[in-house]
């Protein structure tokens, strides 16, 4: 999956596959995670947020099934 680099203190890059509704996030800590069944509107909100990390913690973390890849 292609990811776009973002300016964030916690997140390095973010990608999204609309066909499978999979959100992929690479953190500065080195971990990369895929989150499943994420609506495209959630991805768009994450990308548009002034703080990607804050948006992630408020709207994505602990709300979607995920795995570390």
N, C-alpha and C. Protein backbone atom coordinates (compact mmCIF):
# COMPACT_ATOMS: atom_id res chain seq x y z
N UNK A 1 0.85 -1.18 0.00
CA UNK A 1 0.00 0.00 0.00
C UNK A 1 0.89 1.24 0.00
N UNK A 2 0.54 2.18 -0.82
CA UNK A 2 1.27 3.45 -0.83
C UNK A 2 0.81 4.31 0.33
N UNK A 3 1.78 4.92 1.00
CA UNK A 3 1.48 5.82 2.10
C UNK A 3 2.04 7.19 1.79
N UNK A 4 1.37 8.21 2.31
CA UNK A 4 1.84 9.59 2.17
C UNK A 4 2.49 10.00 3.48
N UNK A 5 3.66 10.62 3.39
CA UNK A 5 4.31 11.16 4.58
C UNK A 5 3.50 12.33 5.12
N UNK A 6 3.44 12.41 6.43
CA UNK A 6 2.73 13.51 7.08
C UNK A 6 3.65 14.17 8.10
N UNK A 7 3.32 15.41 8.44
CA UNK A 7 4.06 16.14 9.47
C UNK A 7 3.35 15.89 10.79
N UNK A 8 3.98 15.10 11.64
CA UNK A 8 3.37 14.72 12.91
C UNK A 8 4.48 14.29 13.86
N UNK A 9 4.27 14.52 15.15
CA UNK A 9 5.27 14.09 16.12
C UNK A 9 5.20 12.59 16.39
N UNK A 10 4.08 11.95 16.04
CA UNK A 10 3.90 10.52 16.29
C UNK A 10 3.83 9.66 15.04
N UNK A 11 3.29 10.22 13.96
CA UNK A 11 3.00 9.44 12.75
C UNK A 11 3.94 9.86 11.63
N UNK A 12 4.51 8.85 10.96
CA UNK A 12 5.41 9.11 9.83
C UNK A 12 4.65 9.15 8.51
N UNK A 13 3.77 8.16 8.28
CA UNK A 13 3.04 8.10 7.01
C UNK A 13 1.70 7.41 7.20
N UNK A 14 0.78 7.73 6.26
CA UNK A 14 -0.58 7.21 6.31
C UNK A 14 -0.99 6.78 4.91
N UNK A 15 -1.61 5.61 4.82
CA UNK A 15 -2.13 5.13 3.54
C UNK A 15 -3.53 4.59 3.72
N UNK A 16 -4.25 4.48 2.61
CA UNK A 16 -5.63 3.98 2.67
C UNK A 16 -5.96 3.24 1.39
N UNK A 17 -6.60 2.08 1.53
CA UNK A 17 -7.09 1.31 0.39
C UNK A 17 -8.61 1.33 0.45
N UNK A 18 -9.22 2.09 -0.45
CA UNK A 18 -10.68 2.25 -0.42
C UNK A 18 -11.41 0.96 -0.79
N UNK A 19 -10.79 0.08 -1.56
CA UNK A 19 -11.44 -1.17 -1.95
C UNK A 19 -11.63 -2.09 -0.75
N UNK A 20 -10.67 -2.10 0.17
CA UNK A 20 -10.76 -2.97 1.34
C UNK A 20 -11.04 -2.22 2.62
N UNK A 21 -11.12 -0.89 2.54
CA UNK A 21 -11.34 -0.03 3.71
C UNK A 21 -10.26 -0.25 4.77
N UNK A 22 -9.02 -0.39 4.30
CA UNK A 22 -7.89 -0.61 5.19
C UNK A 22 -7.06 0.66 5.31
N UNK A 23 -6.87 1.08 6.55
CA UNK A 23 -6.04 2.24 6.86
C UNK A 23 -4.70 1.72 7.37
N UNK A 24 -3.61 2.25 6.83
CA UNK A 24 -2.28 1.81 7.25
C UNK A 24 -1.52 3.02 7.79
N UNK A 25 -0.97 2.87 8.98
CA UNK A 25 -0.25 3.97 9.62
C UNK A 25 1.12 3.48 10.07
N UNK A 26 2.14 4.24 9.68
CA UNK A 26 3.49 3.98 10.13
C UNK A 26 3.84 5.04 11.17
N UNK A 27 4.22 4.58 12.36
CA UNK A 27 4.55 5.49 13.45
C UNK A 27 6.06 5.73 13.49
N UNK A 28 6.44 6.86 14.05
CA UNK A 28 7.86 7.18 14.18
C UNK A 28 8.59 6.14 15.03
N UNK A 29 7.87 5.48 15.90
CA UNK A 29 8.47 4.46 16.76
C UNK A 29 8.92 3.23 15.97
N UNK A 30 8.52 3.18 14.71
CA UNK A 30 8.93 2.07 13.85
C UNK A 30 7.83 1.07 13.56
N UNK A 31 6.76 1.09 14.32
CA UNK A 31 5.66 0.16 14.09
C UNK A 31 4.75 0.62 12.96
N UNK A 32 4.28 -0.35 12.17
CA UNK A 32 3.31 -0.08 11.11
C UNK A 32 2.09 -0.95 11.39
N UNK A 33 0.91 -0.32 11.36
CA UNK A 33 -0.32 -1.02 11.71
C UNK A 33 -1.35 -0.84 10.61
N UNK A 34 -2.16 -1.88 10.42
CA UNK A 34 -3.30 -1.79 9.52
C UNK A 34 -4.57 -1.85 10.36
N UNK A 35 -5.49 -0.94 10.05
CA UNK A 35 -6.79 -0.85 10.72
C UNK A 35 -7.85 -1.20 9.69
N UNK A 36 -8.80 -2.06 10.07
CA UNK A 36 -9.74 -2.64 9.12
C UNK A 36 -11.15 -2.06 9.24
N UNK A 37 -11.86 -2.06 8.10
CA UNK A 37 -13.23 -1.56 8.01
C UNK A 37 -13.33 -0.10 8.42
N UNK A 38 -12.35 0.68 8.03
CA UNK A 38 -12.32 2.12 8.34
C UNK A 38 -12.99 2.86 7.19
N UNK A 39 -14.05 3.61 7.45
CA UNK A 39 -14.71 4.37 6.38
C UNK A 39 -13.75 5.39 5.76
N UNK A 40 -13.93 5.62 4.47
CA UNK A 40 -13.08 6.59 3.78
C UNK A 40 -13.20 7.97 4.40
N UNK A 41 -14.38 8.30 4.93
CA UNK A 41 -14.57 9.60 5.58
C UNK A 41 -13.65 9.74 6.79
N UNK A 42 -13.38 8.64 7.48
CA UNK A 42 -12.47 8.66 8.63
C UNK A 42 -11.03 8.93 8.16
N UNK A 43 -10.64 8.30 7.07
CA UNK A 43 -9.32 8.55 6.48
C UNK A 43 -9.19 10.02 6.06
N UNK A 44 -10.23 10.53 5.40
CA UNK A 44 -10.20 11.93 4.96
C UNK A 44 -10.10 12.88 6.15
N UNK A 45 -10.81 12.57 7.22
CA UNK A 45 -10.73 13.38 8.43
C UNK A 45 -9.34 13.35 9.04
N UNK A 46 -8.73 12.17 9.04
CA UNK A 46 -7.38 12.03 9.58
C UNK A 46 -6.39 12.85 8.77
N UNK A 47 -6.50 12.79 7.46
CA UNK A 47 -5.56 13.51 6.60
C UNK A 47 -5.76 15.02 6.68
N UNK A 48 -6.99 15.46 6.93
CA UNK A 48 -7.29 16.89 6.98
C UNK A 48 -7.06 17.49 8.36
N UNK A 49 -6.88 16.66 9.35
CA UNK A 49 -6.75 17.15 10.73
C UNK A 49 -5.50 18.00 10.92
N UNK A 50 -5.62 19.01 11.75
CA UNK A 50 -4.45 19.84 12.05
C UNK A 50 -3.43 19.06 12.89
N UNK A 51 -3.91 18.08 13.65
CA UNK A 51 -3.02 17.19 14.39
C UNK A 51 -3.42 15.75 14.07
N UNK A 52 -2.60 15.08 13.27
CA UNK A 52 -2.91 13.70 12.88
C UNK A 52 -2.92 12.79 14.11
N UNK A 53 -1.98 13.00 15.02
CA UNK A 53 -1.91 12.18 16.22
C UNK A 53 -3.13 12.32 17.11
N UNK A 54 -3.58 13.55 17.31
CA UNK A 54 -4.77 13.78 18.14
C UNK A 54 -6.01 13.16 17.50
N UNK A 55 -6.13 13.31 16.19
CA UNK A 55 -7.27 12.72 15.49
C UNK A 55 -7.24 11.21 15.62
N UNK A 56 -6.07 10.63 15.43
CA UNK A 56 -5.91 9.18 15.55
C UNK A 56 -6.36 8.70 16.93
N UNK A 57 -5.89 9.35 17.98
CA UNK A 57 -6.23 8.93 19.34
C UNK A 57 -7.72 9.12 19.66
N UNK A 58 -8.32 10.15 19.11
CA UNK A 58 -9.73 10.44 19.40
C UNK A 58 -10.70 9.61 18.57
N UNK A 59 -10.30 9.25 17.34
CA UNK A 59 -11.27 8.67 16.40
C UNK A 59 -10.95 7.28 15.86
N UNK A 60 -9.71 6.84 15.98
CA UNK A 60 -9.33 5.57 15.35
C UNK A 60 -8.83 4.55 16.37
N UNK A 61 -7.91 4.95 17.21
CA UNK A 61 -7.33 4.03 18.19
C UNK A 61 -8.42 3.41 19.05
N UNK A 62 -8.36 2.10 19.21
CA UNK A 62 -9.32 1.32 20.01
C UNK A 62 -10.73 1.31 19.46
N UNK A 63 -10.93 1.75 18.22
CA UNK A 63 -12.26 1.71 17.61
C UNK A 63 -12.36 0.72 16.45
N UNK A 64 -11.20 0.33 15.92
CA UNK A 64 -11.18 -0.55 14.75
C UNK A 64 -10.25 -1.73 15.02
N UNK A 65 -10.60 -2.86 14.43
CA UNK A 65 -9.73 -4.03 14.49
C UNK A 65 -8.43 -3.69 13.77
N UNK A 66 -7.31 -4.13 14.32
CA UNK A 66 -6.02 -3.81 13.71
C UNK A 66 -5.03 -4.93 13.92
N UNK A 67 -3.93 -4.86 13.17
CA UNK A 67 -2.80 -5.75 13.43
C UNK A 67 -1.52 -5.02 13.04
N UNK A 68 -0.46 -5.39 13.71
CA UNK A 68 0.86 -4.85 13.40
C UNK A 68 1.41 -5.66 12.22
N UNK A 69 1.97 -4.94 11.26
CA UNK A 69 2.52 -5.64 10.09
C UNK A 69 4.03 -5.49 10.03
